[in-house]
């Protein structure tokens, strides 16, 4: 079984989490929520599957379904 989900962290967030692969969507979403809880919501645009820094749109966290890419 191969990992099917990717949580990508692009840019500088100054958090303890980073990019990681997951076998289930549930695990990827839980990891994404851990990242979201560490960030100040007033400084980011937060959607269900993305976090984007308001001041620097190069700072992004997103959940990716690897089956959609290949």
N, C-alpha and C. Protein backbone atom coordinates (compact mmCIF):
# COMPACT_ATOMS: atom_id res chain seq x y z
N UNK A 1 0.85 -1.18 0.00
CA UNK A 1 0.00 0.00 0.00
C UNK A 1 0.89 1.24 0.00
N UNK A 2 0.58 2.17 -0.87
CA UNK A 2 1.35 3.40 -0.99
C UNK A 2 0.59 4.57 -0.36
N UNK A 3 1.32 5.56 0.11
CA UNK A 3 0.64 6.77 0.62
C UNK A 3 -0.18 7.42 -0.48
N UNK A 4 -1.36 7.88 -0.13
CA UNK A 4 -2.25 8.49 -1.12
C UNK A 4 -2.53 9.96 -0.86
N UNK A 5 -2.09 10.48 0.29
CA UNK A 5 -2.37 11.86 0.66
C UNK A 5 -1.08 12.56 1.06
N UNK A 6 -0.99 13.82 0.70
CA UNK A 6 0.19 14.62 1.00
C UNK A 6 -0.26 15.92 1.65
N UNK A 7 0.34 16.26 2.77
CA UNK A 7 0.15 17.59 3.36
C UNK A 7 1.45 18.34 3.07
N UNK A 8 1.35 19.36 2.23
CA UNK A 8 2.52 20.13 1.80
C UNK A 8 2.62 21.44 2.56
N UNK A 9 3.80 21.75 3.01
CA UNK A 9 4.07 23.03 3.66
C UNK A 9 5.11 23.77 2.82
N UNK A 10 4.69 24.85 2.22
CA UNK A 10 5.58 25.68 1.39
C UNK A 10 5.83 26.99 2.10
N UNK A 11 7.06 27.41 2.19
CA UNK A 11 7.38 28.70 2.79
C UNK A 11 7.80 28.58 4.23
N UNK A 12 7.69 29.69 4.94
CA UNK A 12 8.17 29.78 6.32
C UNK A 12 7.01 30.01 7.26
N UNK A 13 6.64 28.97 8.03
CA UNK A 13 5.54 29.08 8.98
C UNK A 13 6.01 29.09 10.43
N UNK A 14 7.25 28.75 10.68
CA UNK A 14 7.79 28.69 12.04
C UNK A 14 6.95 27.81 12.94
N UNK A 15 6.65 26.61 12.47
CA UNK A 15 5.90 25.63 13.25
C UNK A 15 6.69 24.33 13.29
N UNK A 16 6.30 23.43 14.19
CA UNK A 16 7.04 22.18 14.35
C UNK A 16 6.69 21.13 13.30
N UNK A 17 5.67 21.35 12.50
CA UNK A 17 5.24 20.38 11.50
C UNK A 17 5.76 20.78 10.12
N UNK A 18 5.85 19.79 9.23
CA UNK A 18 6.29 20.05 7.86
C UNK A 18 5.56 19.14 6.90
N UNK A 19 6.03 19.08 5.67
CA UNK A 19 5.44 18.24 4.65
C UNK A 19 5.52 16.77 5.06
N UNK A 20 4.41 16.03 4.83
CA UNK A 20 4.40 14.62 5.21
C UNK A 20 3.40 13.86 4.35
N UNK A 21 3.64 12.55 4.18
CA UNK A 21 2.77 11.66 3.42
C UNK A 21 1.89 10.84 4.36
N UNK A 22 0.67 10.51 3.86
CA UNK A 22 -0.28 9.75 4.66
C UNK A 22 -0.99 8.71 3.80
N UNK A 23 -1.38 7.61 4.45
CA UNK A 23 -2.09 6.55 3.76
C UNK A 23 -3.59 6.81 3.67
N UNK A 24 -4.13 7.58 4.63
CA UNK A 24 -5.57 7.85 4.62
C UNK A 24 -5.85 9.35 4.65
N UNK A 25 -7.00 9.70 4.12
CA UNK A 25 -7.43 11.10 4.13
C UNK A 25 -7.64 11.58 5.57
N UNK A 26 -8.16 10.70 6.38
CA UNK A 26 -8.42 11.05 7.79
C UNK A 26 -7.13 11.47 8.50
N UNK A 27 -6.07 10.70 8.30
CA UNK A 27 -4.78 11.03 8.94
C UNK A 27 -4.24 12.36 8.41
N UNK A 28 -4.37 12.58 7.11
CA UNK A 28 -3.90 13.84 6.52
C UNK A 28 -4.69 15.02 7.07
N UNK A 29 -6.00 14.87 7.21
CA UNK A 29 -6.82 15.95 7.74
C UNK A 29 -6.49 16.24 9.21
N UNK A 30 -6.23 15.21 10.00
CA UNK A 30 -5.86 15.42 11.40
C UNK A 30 -4.54 16.19 11.50
N UNK A 31 -3.58 15.84 10.67
CA UNK A 31 -2.29 16.52 10.65
C UNK A 31 -2.47 17.99 10.24
N UNK A 32 -3.28 18.21 9.20
CA UNK A 32 -3.59 19.56 8.72
C UNK A 32 -4.21 20.39 9.84
N UNK A 33 -5.10 19.80 10.61
CA UNK A 33 -5.75 20.51 11.72
C UNK A 33 -4.75 20.86 12.82
N UNK A 34 -3.78 19.98 13.06
CA UNK A 34 -2.72 20.29 14.04
C UNK A 34 -1.94 21.53 13.60
N UNK A 35 -1.65 21.60 12.31
CA UNK A 35 -0.93 22.76 11.78
C UNK A 35 -1.80 24.01 11.93
N UNK A 36 -3.06 23.88 11.55
CA UNK A 36 -3.99 25.03 11.61
C UNK A 36 -4.11 25.59 13.02
N UNK A 37 -4.12 24.71 14.02
CA UNK A 37 -4.25 25.16 15.41
C UNK A 37 -3.04 25.95 15.89
N UNK A 38 -1.89 25.75 15.28
CA UNK A 38 -0.68 26.47 15.69
C UNK A 38 -0.57 27.86 15.08
N UNK A 39 -1.43 28.16 14.13
CA UNK A 39 -1.32 29.43 13.41
C UNK A 39 -2.37 30.44 13.88
N UNK A 40 -2.00 31.71 13.81
CA UNK A 40 -2.90 32.82 14.15
C UNK A 40 -3.86 33.03 12.98
N UNK A 41 -5.13 32.72 13.18
CA UNK A 41 -6.11 32.77 12.09
C UNK A 41 -6.29 34.16 11.48
N UNK A 42 -5.89 35.21 12.18
CA UNK A 42 -6.02 36.55 11.63
C UNK A 42 -4.96 36.84 10.57
N UNK A 43 -3.94 36.01 10.48
CA UNK A 43 -2.84 36.23 9.53
C UNK A 43 -2.91 35.32 8.31
N UNK A 44 -3.93 34.45 8.28
CA UNK A 44 -4.01 33.45 7.21
C UNK A 44 -5.42 33.33 6.66
N UNK A 45 -5.50 33.00 5.38
CA UNK A 45 -6.76 32.62 4.76
C UNK A 45 -6.84 31.11 4.92
N UNK A 46 -7.82 30.64 5.67
CA UNK A 46 -7.91 29.22 5.97
C UNK A 46 -9.18 28.65 5.36
N UNK A 47 -9.00 27.64 4.50
CA UNK A 47 -10.12 26.92 3.91
C UNK A 47 -10.03 25.47 4.36
N UNK A 48 -10.90 24.66 3.84
CA UNK A 48 -10.93 23.25 4.23
C UNK A 48 -9.64 22.50 3.90
N UNK A 49 -9.00 22.88 2.79
CA UNK A 49 -7.81 22.15 2.36
C UNK A 49 -6.58 23.02 2.10
N UNK A 50 -6.64 24.31 2.47
CA UNK A 50 -5.51 25.22 2.26
C UNK A 50 -5.38 26.24 3.37
N UNK A 51 -4.15 26.63 3.63
CA UNK A 51 -3.85 27.74 4.52
C UNK A 51 -2.88 28.63 3.75
N UNK A 52 -3.25 29.89 3.57
CA UNK A 52 -2.42 30.81 2.79
C UNK A 52 -2.13 32.05 3.63
N UNK A 53 -0.87 32.41 3.70
CA UNK A 53 -0.43 33.60 4.43
C UNK A 53 -0.96 34.83 3.70
N UNK A 54 -1.64 35.72 4.41
CA UNK A 54 -2.21 36.93 3.81
C UNK A 54 -1.11 37.85 3.28
N UNK A 55 0.00 37.95 3.99
CA UNK A 55 1.07 38.88 3.59
C UNK A 55 2.04 38.28 2.59
N UNK A 56 2.14 36.97 2.50
CA UNK A 56 3.07 36.31 1.58
C UNK A 56 2.41 35.04 1.04
N UNK A 57 1.83 35.14 -0.16
CA UNK A 57 1.10 34.00 -0.71
C UNK A 57 2.00 32.83 -1.12
N UNK A 58 3.31 32.96 -0.88
CA UNK A 58 4.24 31.85 -1.08
C UNK A 58 4.25 30.91 0.11
N UNK A 59 3.66 31.34 1.21
CA UNK A 59 3.54 30.49 2.41
C UNK A 59 2.19 29.79 2.36
N UNK A 60 2.23 28.51 2.03
CA UNK A 60 1.00 27.74 1.83
C UNK A 60 1.12 26.37 2.48
N UNK A 61 0.02 25.93 3.08
CA UNK A 61 -0.12 24.54 3.52
C UNK A 61 -1.34 24.01 2.79
N UNK A 62 -1.21 22.83 2.18
CA UNK A 62 -2.36 22.26 1.48
C UNK A 62 -2.37 20.75 1.58
N UNK A 63 -3.58 20.20 1.47
CA UNK A 63 -3.77 18.75 1.42
C UNK A 63 -3.94 18.37 -0.04
N UNK A 64 -3.18 17.35 -0.48
CA UNK A 64 -3.24 16.91 -1.87
C UNK A 64 -3.55 15.42 -1.94
N UNK A 65 -4.54 15.08 -2.75
CA UNK A 65 -4.84 13.68 -3.04
C UNK A 65 -3.93 13.26 -4.19
N UNK A 66 -2.99 12.38 -3.92
CA UNK A 66 -2.01 12.00 -4.93
C UNK A 66 -2.63 11.26 -6.11
N UNK A 67 -3.79 10.65 -5.93
CA UNK A 67 -4.48 10.02 -7.04
C UNK A 67 -4.96 11.04 -8.07
N UNK A 68 -5.22 12.28 -7.64
CA UNK A 68 -5.64 13.34 -8.55
C UNK A 68 -4.49 13.84 -9.42
N UNK A 69 -3.26 13.65 -8.95
CA UNK A 69 -2.09 14.13 -9.68
C UNK A 69 -1.70 13.15 -10.78
N UNK A 70 -1.73 11.89 -10.45
CA UNK A 70 -1.26 10.86 -11.40
C UNK A 70 -2.38 10.33 -12.18
